[in-house]
C-alpha cells in the first residue's frame, strides 16, 4: 500500500501543485510585464539615488550572483536559487523599482518560475556595474605608461651590455692619401733642347 502511494498517488499530487505554481507564476509574470514600463520610468528618474546602494549590494554578493547579473542564464538561476532570493530581498529593502513583486513571486514559486522579471531587474542592476567597471579601467594607467614605469627585464640589460661590448674599428685614412687623391696630378715639363749652331767655314 505504501509503495503504491509513493509511486502512483504522490507524483500525481505533486504534478497538480506544480502546475498550479506554474499557472500562478505565469500570471505574476504577466502582471509584471504590464507594469514593466512604469518600473523603467521610475528607475530612470531615481537612477543616481539607487546607484551607490545597488553597487554596495552587488559588491557584497557571492560570485555566482555577479556572474548571473552580467550573463543571465535560466539554468544558473535555478541552481543558485537561495543566493538569488537573498539578492532580491536586498533590492526590495532599498525599494528598487519592481523588486517587491518579483521578490514575493520568487518566494512563493521559486526564482526559476519568474526568470523573466528577475532578468529584467538584473539588466537594470548591470547598468550600474558596467559604469563602475569603466570608471575603474579609466583610473588604471594605460598599458604603455605601465610598461614605461615598470623596470626593464634582466634580458634587456644583457642585450644592451652585449651591444656596447662590440666595437667596430674603422681604419683611419691617412691625410696624405686623401690630399693626393684630391689634388690634380702635375706633369713635369722636359727642359728645352740646347740650340746647336752649325760650324763656321
C-alpha atoms as a PDB file:
ATOM      1  CA  UNK A   1       0.000   0.000   0.000  1.00  0.00           C
ATOM      2  CA  UNK A   2       2.826   2.398   0.933  1.00  0.00           C
ATOM      3  CA  UNK A   3       4.676   1.651  -2.313  1.00  0.00           C
ATOM      4  CA  UNK A   4       1.530   2.301  -4.333  1.00  0.00           C
ATOM      5  CA  UNK A   5       1.081   5.660  -2.541  1.00  0.00           C
ATOM      6  CA  UNK A   6       4.675   6.710  -3.261  1.00  0.00           C
ATOM      7  CA  UNK A   7       4.785   5.510  -6.854  1.00  0.00           C
ATOM      8  CA  UNK A   8       1.284   6.413  -8.096  1.00  0.00           C
ATOM      9  CA  UNK A   9      -0.595   8.860  -5.880  1.00  0.00           C
ATOM     10  CA  UNK A  10       2.165  11.188  -4.623  1.00  0.00           C
ATOM     11  CA  UNK A  11       3.587  12.042  -8.092  1.00  0.00           C
ATOM     12  CA  UNK A  12       0.070  12.973  -9.282  1.00  0.00           C
ATOM     13  CA  UNK A  13      -0.482  15.279  -6.294  1.00  0.00           C
ATOM     14  CA  UNK A  14       2.936  16.894  -6.849  1.00  0.00           C
ATOM     15  CA  UNK A  15       2.150  17.399 -10.514  1.00  0.00           C
ATOM     16  CA  UNK A  16      -1.120  19.143  -9.684  1.00  0.00           C
ATOM     17  CA  UNK A  17       0.607  21.514  -7.246  1.00  0.00           C
ATOM     18  CA  UNK A  18       3.463  22.144  -9.696  1.00  0.00           C
ATOM     19  CA  UNK A  19       1.009  23.011 -12.439  1.00  0.00           C
ATOM     20  CA  UNK A  20      -0.795  25.381 -10.060  1.00  0.00           C
ATOM     21  CA  UNK A  21       2.529  27.064  -9.234  1.00  0.00           C
ATOM     22  CA  UNK A  22       3.365  27.388 -12.918  1.00  0.00           C
ATOM     23  CA  UNK A  23      -0.020  28.925 -13.707  1.00  0.00           C
ATOM     24  CA  UNK A  24       0.189  31.331 -10.760  1.00  0.00           C
ATOM     25  CA  UNK A  25       3.806  32.240 -11.618  1.00  0.00           C
ATOM     26  CA  UNK A  26       2.840  32.843 -15.247  1.00  0.00           C
ATOM     27  CA  UNK A  27       0.071  35.174 -14.056  1.00  0.00           C
ATOM     28  CA  UNK A  28       2.550  37.058 -11.839  1.00  0.00           C
ATOM     29  CA  UNK A  29       4.965  37.396 -14.788  1.00  0.00           C
ATOM     30  CA  UNK A  30       2.141  38.733 -16.961  1.00  0.00           C
ATOM     31  CA  UNK A  31       1.245  41.384 -14.365  1.00  0.00           C
ATOM     32  CA  UNK A  32       4.906  42.362 -14.108  1.00  0.00           C
ATOM     33  CA  UNK A  33       5.167  42.728 -17.904  1.00  0.00           C
ATOM     34  CA  UNK A  34       2.253  45.160 -17.857  1.00  0.00           C
ATOM     35  CA  UNK A  35       3.938  47.319 -15.204  1.00  0.00           C
ATOM     36  CA  UNK A  36       7.456  46.985 -16.631  1.00  0.00           C
ATOM     37  CA  UNK A  37       7.381  50.304 -18.459  1.00  0.00           C
ATOM     38  CA  UNK A  38       6.375  52.099 -15.258  1.00  0.00           C
ATOM     39  CA  UNK A  39       9.302  50.467 -13.408  1.00  0.00           C
ATOM     40  CA  UNK A  40      11.698  51.596 -16.159  1.00  0.00           C
ATOM     41  CA  UNK A  41      10.494  55.215 -15.860  1.00  0.00           C
ATOM     42  CA  UNK A  42      10.847  55.118 -12.075  1.00  0.00           C
ATOM     43  CA  UNK A  43      14.320  53.603 -12.431  1.00  0.00           C
ATOM     44  CA  UNK A  44      15.489  56.374 -14.796  1.00  0.00           C
ATOM     45  CA  UNK A  45      14.099  59.110 -12.520  1.00  0.00           C
ATOM     46  CA  UNK A  46      15.921  57.854  -9.410  1.00  0.00           C
ATOM     47  CA  UNK A  47      18.951  56.284 -11.088  1.00  0.00           C
ATOM     48  CA  UNK A  48      21.562  58.395  -9.272  1.00  0.00           C
ATOM     49  CA  UNK A  49      19.841  57.713  -5.955  1.00  0.00           C
ATOM     50  CA  UNK A  50      19.892  53.914  -6.458  1.00  0.00           C
ATOM     51  CA  UNK A  51      23.416  53.588  -7.872  1.00  0.00           C
ATOM     52  CA  UNK A  52      25.511  53.621  -4.635  1.00  0.00           C
ATOM     53  CA  UNK A  53      23.033  51.313  -2.840  1.00  0.00           C
ATOM     54  CA  UNK A  54      22.861  48.812  -5.707  1.00  0.00           C
ATOM     55  CA  UNK A  55      26.655  48.772  -6.173  1.00  0.00           C
ATOM     56  CA  UNK A  56      27.064  48.095  -2.443  1.00  0.00           C
ATOM     57  CA  UNK A  57      24.587  45.170  -2.583  1.00  0.00           C
ATOM     58  CA  UNK A  58      26.269  43.808  -5.712  1.00  0.00           C
ATOM     59  CA  UNK A  59      29.784  44.008  -4.215  1.00  0.00           C
ATOM     60  CA  UNK A  60      28.604  42.124  -1.111  1.00  0.00           C
ATOM     61  CA  UNK A  61      27.051  39.348  -3.252  1.00  0.00           C
ATOM     62  CA  UNK A  62      28.710  35.977  -3.983  1.00  0.00           C
ATOM     63  CA  UNK A  63      30.489  35.399  -7.344  1.00  0.00           C
ATOM     64  CA  UNK A  64      27.544  33.329  -8.653  1.00  0.00           C
ATOM     65  CA  UNK A  65      25.227  36.343  -8.423  1.00  0.00           C
ATOM     66  CA  UNK A  66      27.782  38.656 -10.025  1.00  0.00           C
ATOM     67  CA  UNK A  67      28.072  36.248 -12.960  1.00  0.00           C
ATOM     68  CA  UNK A  68      24.279  35.956 -13.214  1.00  0.00           C
ATOM     69  CA  UNK A  69      23.837  39.739 -13.269  1.00  0.00           C
ATOM     70  CA  UNK A  70      26.332  40.065 -16.122  1.00  0.00           C
ATOM     71  CA  UNK A  71      25.252  36.951 -18.070  1.00  0.00           C
ATOM     72  CA  UNK A  72      21.735  35.816 -17.044  1.00  0.00           C
ATOM     73  CA  UNK A  73      21.026  32.102 -17.573  1.00  0.00           C
ATOM     74  CA  UNK A  74      17.877  30.213 -16.556  1.00  0.00           C
ATOM     75  CA  UNK A  75      19.854  27.098 -15.543  1.00  0.00           C
ATOM     76  CA  UNK A  76      22.148  29.122 -13.251  1.00  0.00           C
ATOM     77  CA  UNK A  77      19.088  30.889 -11.792  1.00  0.00           C
ATOM     78  CA  UNK A  78      17.587  27.589 -10.622  1.00  0.00           C
ATOM     79  CA  UNK A  79      20.955  26.298  -9.437  1.00  0.00           C
ATOM     80  CA  UNK A  80      21.589  29.365  -7.245  1.00  0.00           C
ATOM     81  CA  UNK A  81      18.005  29.949  -6.043  1.00  0.00           C
ATOM     82  CA  UNK A  82      18.866  30.753  -2.375  1.00  0.00           C
ATOM     83  CA  UNK A  83      21.512  33.348  -3.361  1.00  0.00           C
ATOM     84  CA  UNK A  84      19.158  34.864  -5.958  1.00  0.00           C
ATOM     85  CA  UNK A  85      16.376  35.100  -3.371  1.00  0.00           C
ATOM     86  CA  UNK A  86      18.709  36.867  -0.937  1.00  0.00           C
ATOM     87  CA  UNK A  87      19.797  39.315  -3.661  1.00  0.00           C
ATOM     88  CA  UNK A  88      16.130  40.082  -4.472  1.00  0.00           C
ATOM     89  CA  UNK A  89      15.407  40.624  -0.755  1.00  0.00           C
ATOM     90  CA  UNK A  90      18.219  43.195  -0.601  1.00  0.00           C
ATOM     91  CA  UNK A  91      16.868  45.015  -3.666  1.00  0.00           C
ATOM     92  CA  UNK A  92      13.380  45.040  -2.127  1.00  0.00           C
ATOM     93  CA  UNK A  93      14.784  46.613   1.064  1.00  0.00           C
ATOM     94  CA  UNK A  94      16.044  49.642  -0.882  1.00  0.00           C
ATOM     95  CA  UNK A  95      12.731  49.710  -2.820  1.00  0.00           C
ATOM     96  CA  UNK A  96      14.384  49.125  -6.171  1.00  0.00           C
ATOM     97  CA  UNK A  97      11.741  49.543  -8.904  1.00  0.00           C
ATOM     98  CA  UNK A  98       9.869  46.272  -9.482  1.00  0.00           C
ATOM     99  CA  UNK A  99      11.847  44.331  -6.868  1.00  0.00           C
ATOM    100  CA  UNK A 100       8.998  43.851  -4.333  1.00  0.00           C
ATOM    101  CA  UNK A 101       6.533  41.976  -6.592  1.00  0.00           C
ATOM    102  CA  UNK A 102       9.396  39.928  -8.072  1.00  0.00           C
ATOM    103  CA  UNK A 103      10.732  39.086  -4.621  1.00  0.00           C
ATOM    104  CA  UNK A 104       7.252  37.967  -3.452  1.00  0.00           C
ATOM    105  CA  UNK A 105       6.691  35.839  -6.573  1.00  0.00           C
ATOM    106  CA  UNK A 106      10.144  34.232  -6.233  1.00  0.00           C
ATOM    107  CA  UNK A 107       9.436  33.426  -2.574  1.00  0.00           C
ATOM    108  CA  UNK A 108       6.086  31.781  -3.461  1.00  0.00           C
ATOM    109  CA  UNK A 109       7.003  29.887  -6.620  1.00  0.00           C
ATOM    110  CA  UNK A 110      10.807  29.827  -6.723  1.00  0.00           C
ATOM    111  CA  UNK A 111      13.116  32.038  -8.825  1.00  0.00           C
ATOM    112  CA  UNK A 112      13.056  29.543 -11.707  1.00  0.00           C
ATOM    113  CA  UNK A 113       9.356  30.240 -12.389  1.00  0.00           C
ATOM    114  CA  UNK A 114       9.782  34.031 -12.569  1.00  0.00           C
ATOM    115  CA  UNK A 115      13.010  34.234 -14.568  1.00  0.00           C
ATOM    116  CA  UNK A 116      11.719  36.986 -16.918  1.00  0.00           C
ATOM    117  CA  UNK A 117      11.061  39.604 -14.211  1.00  0.00           C
ATOM    118  CA  UNK A 118      14.264  38.648 -12.362  1.00  0.00           C
ATOM    119  CA  UNK A 119      16.364  39.109 -15.510  1.00  0.00           C
ATOM    120  CA  UNK A 120      14.683  42.495 -16.040  1.00  0.00           C
ATOM    121  CA  UNK A 121      15.945  43.573 -12.605  1.00  0.00           C
ATOM    122  CA  UNK A 122      19.400  42.123 -13.319  1.00  0.00           C
ATOM    123  CA  UNK A 123      19.537  44.123 -16.549  1.00  0.00           C
ATOM    124  CA  UNK A 124      18.860  47.358 -14.643  1.00  0.00           C
ATOM    125  CA  UNK A 125      21.415  46.450 -11.973  1.00  0.00           C
ATOM    126  CA  UNK A 126      24.046  45.668 -14.626  1.00  0.00           C
ATOM    127  CA  UNK A 127      23.900  49.263 -15.933  1.00  0.00           C
ATOM    128  CA  UNK A 128      25.472  50.407 -12.640  1.00  0.00           C
ATOM    129  CA  UNK A 129      28.047  47.611 -12.683  1.00  0.00           C
ATOM    130  CA  UNK A 130      29.215  48.382 -16.246  1.00  0.00           C
ATOM    131  CA  UNK A 131      29.587  52.067 -15.272  1.00  0.00           C
ATOM    132  CA  UNK A 132      31.678  51.129 -12.240  1.00  0.00           C
ATOM    133  CA  UNK A 133      33.932  48.857 -14.309  1.00  0.00           C
ATOM    134  CA  UNK A 134      34.504  51.589 -16.909  1.00  0.00           C
ATOM    135  CA  UNK A 135      35.478  54.053 -14.141  1.00  0.00           C
ATOM    136  CA  UNK A 136      37.958  51.518 -12.719  1.00  0.00           C
ATOM    137  CA  UNK A 137      39.518  50.945 -16.144  1.00  0.00           C
ATOM    138  CA  UNK A 138      39.915  54.702 -16.667  1.00  0.00           C
ATOM    139  CA  UNK A 139      41.621  55.062 -13.282  1.00  0.00           C
ATOM    140  CA  UNK A 140      44.194  52.378 -14.173  1.00  0.00           C
ATOM    141  CA  UNK A 141      47.261  53.667 -16.110  1.00  0.00           C
ATOM    142  CA  UNK A 142      47.387  52.846 -19.832  1.00  0.00           C
ATOM    143  CA  UNK A 143      49.493  49.794 -20.758  1.00  0.00           C
ATOM    144  CA  UNK A 144      52.152  51.952 -22.483  1.00  0.00           C
ATOM    145  CA  UNK A 145      52.661  54.060 -19.346  1.00  0.00           C
ATOM    146  CA  UNK A 146      52.649  50.975 -17.142  1.00  0.00           C
ATOM    147  CA  UNK A 147      55.390  49.410 -19.292  1.00  0.00           C
ATOM    148  CA  UNK A 148      57.468  52.603 -19.121  1.00  0.00           C
ATOM    149  CA  UNK A 149      57.106  52.707 -15.322  1.00  0.00           C
ATOM    150  CA  UNK A 150      57.999  49.026 -14.906  1.00  0.00           C
ATOM    151  CA  UNK A 151      61.704  48.180 -14.683  1.00  0.00           C
ATOM    152  CA  UNK A 152      63.024  46.516 -17.861  1.00  0.00           C
ATOM    153  CA  UNK A 153      63.684  42.786 -17.656  1.00  0.00           C
ATOM    154  CA  UNK A 154      67.182  41.435 -16.996  1.00  0.00           C
ATOM    155  CA  UNK A 155      67.365  40.047 -20.554  1.00  0.00           C
ATOM    156  CA  UNK A 156      67.109  43.565 -21.967  1.00  0.00           C
ATOM    157  CA  UNK A 157      70.071  44.709 -19.839  1.00  0.00           C
ATOM    158  CA  UNK A 158      72.142  41.743 -21.028  1.00  0.00           C
ATOM    159  CA  UNK A 159      71.370  42.528 -24.686  1.00  0.00           C
ATOM    160  CA  UNK A 160      72.322  46.191 -24.205  1.00  0.00           C
ATOM    161  CA  UNK A 161      75.571  45.191 -22.494  1.00  0.00           C
ATOM    162  CA  UNK A 162      76.474  42.879 -25.393  1.00  0.00           C
ATOM    163  CA  UNK A 163      75.739  45.635 -27.896  1.00  0.00           C
ATOM    164  CA  UNK A 164      78.064  48.025 -26.017  1.00  0.00           C
ATOM    165  CA  UNK A 165      80.901  45.460 -25.898  1.00  0.00           C
ATOM    166  CA  UNK A 166      81.000  45.073 -29.697  1.00  0.00           C
ATOM    167  CA  UNK A 167      83.115  47.919 -31.067  1.00  0.00           C
ATOM    168  CA  UNK A 168      83.666  48.082 -34.817  1.00  0.00           C
ATOM    169  CA  UNK A 169      87.014  49.712 -35.609  1.00  0.00           C
ATOM    170  CA  UNK A 170      87.181  51.557 -38.911  1.00  0.00           C
ATOM    171  CA  UNK A 171      90.775  52.031 -40.152  1.00  0.00           C
ATOM    172  CA  UNK A 172      91.748  55.703 -40.422  1.00  0.00           C
ATOM    173  CA  UNK A 173      92.554  57.000 -43.889  1.00  0.00           C
ATOM    174  CA  UNK A 174      95.872  58.932 -43.993  1.00  0.00           C
ATOM    175  CA  UNK A 175      95.519  62.577 -44.778  1.00  0.00           C
ATOM    176  CA  UNK A 176      98.235  62.494 -47.459  1.00  0.00           C
ATOM    177  CA  UNK A 177      96.414  59.866 -49.447  1.00  0.00           C
ATOM    178  CA  UNK A 178      93.258  61.908 -49.276  1.00  0.00           C
ATOM    179  CA  UNK A 179      95.180  65.027 -50.460  1.00  0.00           C
ATOM    180  CA  UNK A 180      96.868  63.132 -53.256  1.00  0.00           C
ATOM    181  CA  UNK A 181      93.570  61.823 -54.390  1.00  0.00           C
ATOM    182  CA  UNK A 182      92.062  65.290 -54.361  1.00  0.00           C
ATOM    183  CA  UNK A 183      94.931  67.283 -55.989  1.00  0.00           C
ATOM    184  CA  UNK A 184      95.402  67.126 -59.809  1.00  0.00           C
ATOM    185  CA  UNK A 185      98.492  65.237 -60.999  1.00  0.00           C
ATOM    186  CA  UNK A 186     101.323  67.585 -62.046  1.00  0.00           C
ATOM    187  CA  UNK A 187     103.213  66.673 -65.238  1.00  0.00           C
ATOM    188  CA  UNK A 188     106.813  67.891 -65.191  1.00  0.00           C
ATOM    189  CA  UNK A 189     107.893  69.582 -68.465  1.00  0.00           C
ATOM    190  CA  UNK A 190     111.202  68.486 -70.064  1.00  0.00           C
ATOM    191  CA  UNK A 191     113.907  71.231 -70.277  1.00  0.00           C
ATOM    192  CA  UNK A 192     114.248  72.839 -73.735  1.00  0.00           C
ATOM    193  CA  UNK A 193     116.776  71.121 -76.033  1.00  0.00           C
ATOM    194  CA  UNK A 194     120.079  73.147 -76.465  1.00  0.00           C
ATOM    195  CA  UNK A 195     120.385  75.019 -79.751  1.00  0.00           C
ATOM    196  CA  UNK A 196     123.372  73.677 -81.678  1.00  0.00           C
ATOM    197  CA  UNK A 197     124.924  76.254 -84.029  1.00  0.00           C
ATOM    198  CA  UNK A 198     126.455  74.935 -87.295  1.00  0.00           C
ATOM    199  CA  UNK A 199     130.276  75.223 -87.550  1.00  0.00           C
ATOM    200  CA  UNK A 200     131.630  78.332 -89.305  1.00  0.00           C
ATOM    201  CA  UNK A 201     133.722  77.674 -92.529  1.00  0.00           C
END
